[in-house]
Protein backbone atom coordinates (compact mmCIF):
# COMPACT_ATOMS: atom_id res chain seq x y z
CA MET A 1 0.01 0.01 0.03
CA THR A 2 1.34 3.47 -0.91
CA VAL A 3 0.78 6.23 1.59
CA THR A 4 -0.69 9.07 -0.55
CA THR A 5 -0.81 11.70 2.12
CA GLU A 6 1.28 13.23 4.90
CA THR A 7 -1.69 14.17 7.09
CA ASN A 8 -1.41 12.79 10.55
CA LYS A 9 -3.96 14.79 12.56
CA GLU A 10 -7.47 16.09 12.68
CA THR A 11 -8.44 19.04 14.75
CA TYR A 12 -12.14 19.90 15.88
CA THR A 13 -13.84 22.06 18.46
CA GLY A 14 -16.10 20.34 20.89
CA ASP A 15 -19.67 21.50 21.31
CA GLY A 16 -20.76 19.50 24.32
CA VAL A 17 -23.00 17.15 22.31
CA GLN A 18 -21.14 15.51 19.55
CA THR A 19 -19.25 12.32 20.63
CA VAL A 20 -18.21 10.94 17.06
CA TYR A 21 -15.23 12.60 15.31
CA TYR A 22 -13.68 11.46 12.01
CA TYR A 23 -10.14 11.21 10.88
CA THR A 24 -8.83 10.77 7.35
CA PHE A 25 -5.25 9.26 7.68
CA ASP A 26 -4.30 5.57 7.70
CA MET A 27 -2.75 3.85 10.65
CA SER A 28 -0.57 0.70 10.97
CA ALA A 29 -2.04 -0.20 14.29
CA ASP A 30 -4.80 1.21 16.61
CA SER A 31 -2.19 1.93 19.23
CA ASP A 32 -0.89 4.67 16.86
CA MET A 33 -3.86 6.85 17.66
CA VAL A 34 -3.35 9.62 20.36
CA VAL A 35 -6.20 11.87 21.44
CA PHE A 36 -5.81 15.33 22.94
CA PHE A 37 -8.21 17.63 24.75
CA ASN A 38 -6.71 21.44 24.74
CA ASP A 39 -3.18 19.91 24.04
CA SER A 40 -3.28 17.33 26.87
CA ALA A 41 -3.42 13.61 26.00
CA ILE A 42 -6.42 11.70 27.22
CA GLY A 43 -6.47 8.08 28.10
CA ALA A 44 -8.12 5.44 25.72
CA GLN A 45 -10.67 4.55 28.48
CA TYR A 46 -12.55 7.80 27.49
CA TRP A 47 -12.85 6.98 23.64
CA SER A 48 -13.01 4.20 21.23
CA LEU A 49 -11.58 3.76 17.80
CA ASP A 50 -13.37 2.27 14.77
CA ASP A 51 -10.64 1.81 12.14
CA VAL A 52 -13.09 0.86 9.45
CA ALA A 53 -15.31 3.79 9.76
CA LYS A 54 -12.21 5.91 10.74
CA THR A 55 -14.00 7.33 13.72
CA VAL A 56 -13.15 8.06 17.30
CA THR A 57 -16.28 7.98 19.64
CA PHE A 58 -16.03 9.58 23.10
CA VAL A 59 -17.81 8.12 26.13
CA THR A 60 -18.75 11.64 27.23
CA PRO A 61 -18.83 14.55 24.56
CA PRO A 62 -16.00 16.98 24.67
CA GLY A 63 -17.02 20.20 26.34
CA ASN A 64 -18.15 23.31 24.54
CA GLY A 65 -15.02 25.12 23.07
CA THR A 66 -12.69 22.06 23.92
CA LYS A 67 -10.00 21.64 21.28
CA VAL A 68 -10.07 18.03 20.21
CA THR A 69 -7.15 16.70 18.28
CA LEU A 70 -6.84 13.25 16.88
CA TYR A 71 -3.19 12.38 16.12
CA ARG A 72 -1.36 9.46 14.44
CA ASP A 73 1.88 8.83 16.39
CA THR A 74 3.57 6.04 14.47
CA PRO A 75 6.73 4.64 15.99
CA SER A 76 9.86 5.10 13.93
CA THR A 77 10.83 1.51 13.71
CA GLN A 78 12.28 -0.74 10.92
CA LEU A 79 10.67 -4.23 11.27
CA THR A 80 11.66 -5.46 7.78
CA ASP A 81 14.68 -7.86 7.73
CA TYR A 82 16.30 -8.32 4.24
CA ARG A 83 18.19 -11.60 3.71
CA PRO A 84 21.22 -11.58 1.46
CA TYR A 85 20.66 -13.08 -2.07
CA ASP A 86 16.86 -13.48 -1.65
CA ALA A 87 14.53 -12.15 -4.38
CA PHE A 88 13.76 -8.42 -3.68
CA PRO A 89 10.31 -8.34 -1.75
CA ALA A 90 8.89 -5.29 -3.36
CA GLU A 91 5.47 -5.28 -1.38
CA THR A 92 7.37 -5.81 1.87
CA HIS A 93 9.81 -3.12 1.12
CA GLU A 94 7.01 -0.68 0.08
CA ALA A 95 5.09 -1.37 3.40
CA ALA A 96 8.19 -0.66 5.40
CA LEU A 97 8.89 2.67 3.73
CA ASP A 98 5.12 3.61 4.08
CA LYS A 99 5.54 3.42 7.87
């Protein structure tokens, strides 16, 4: 899969009613999502992630005027191991670079 965007966050303003917020970026793992209220990270016990619908749903709506940031924080890791003299694994290589 080729990553076609460099967007890694969405920012909203809470209204005290809305509980579902959308994001447009792709993630390698659900654990890559970090959620902030007014620039302070909040624990995953206060929200749930639907990676198919690309939504974050809060247990309690963010308060009116609360800055809500959905942020992808992908670890900088290299998990691909290339073996000498093996055929070049193009798909594996591309996936490693996408991360």
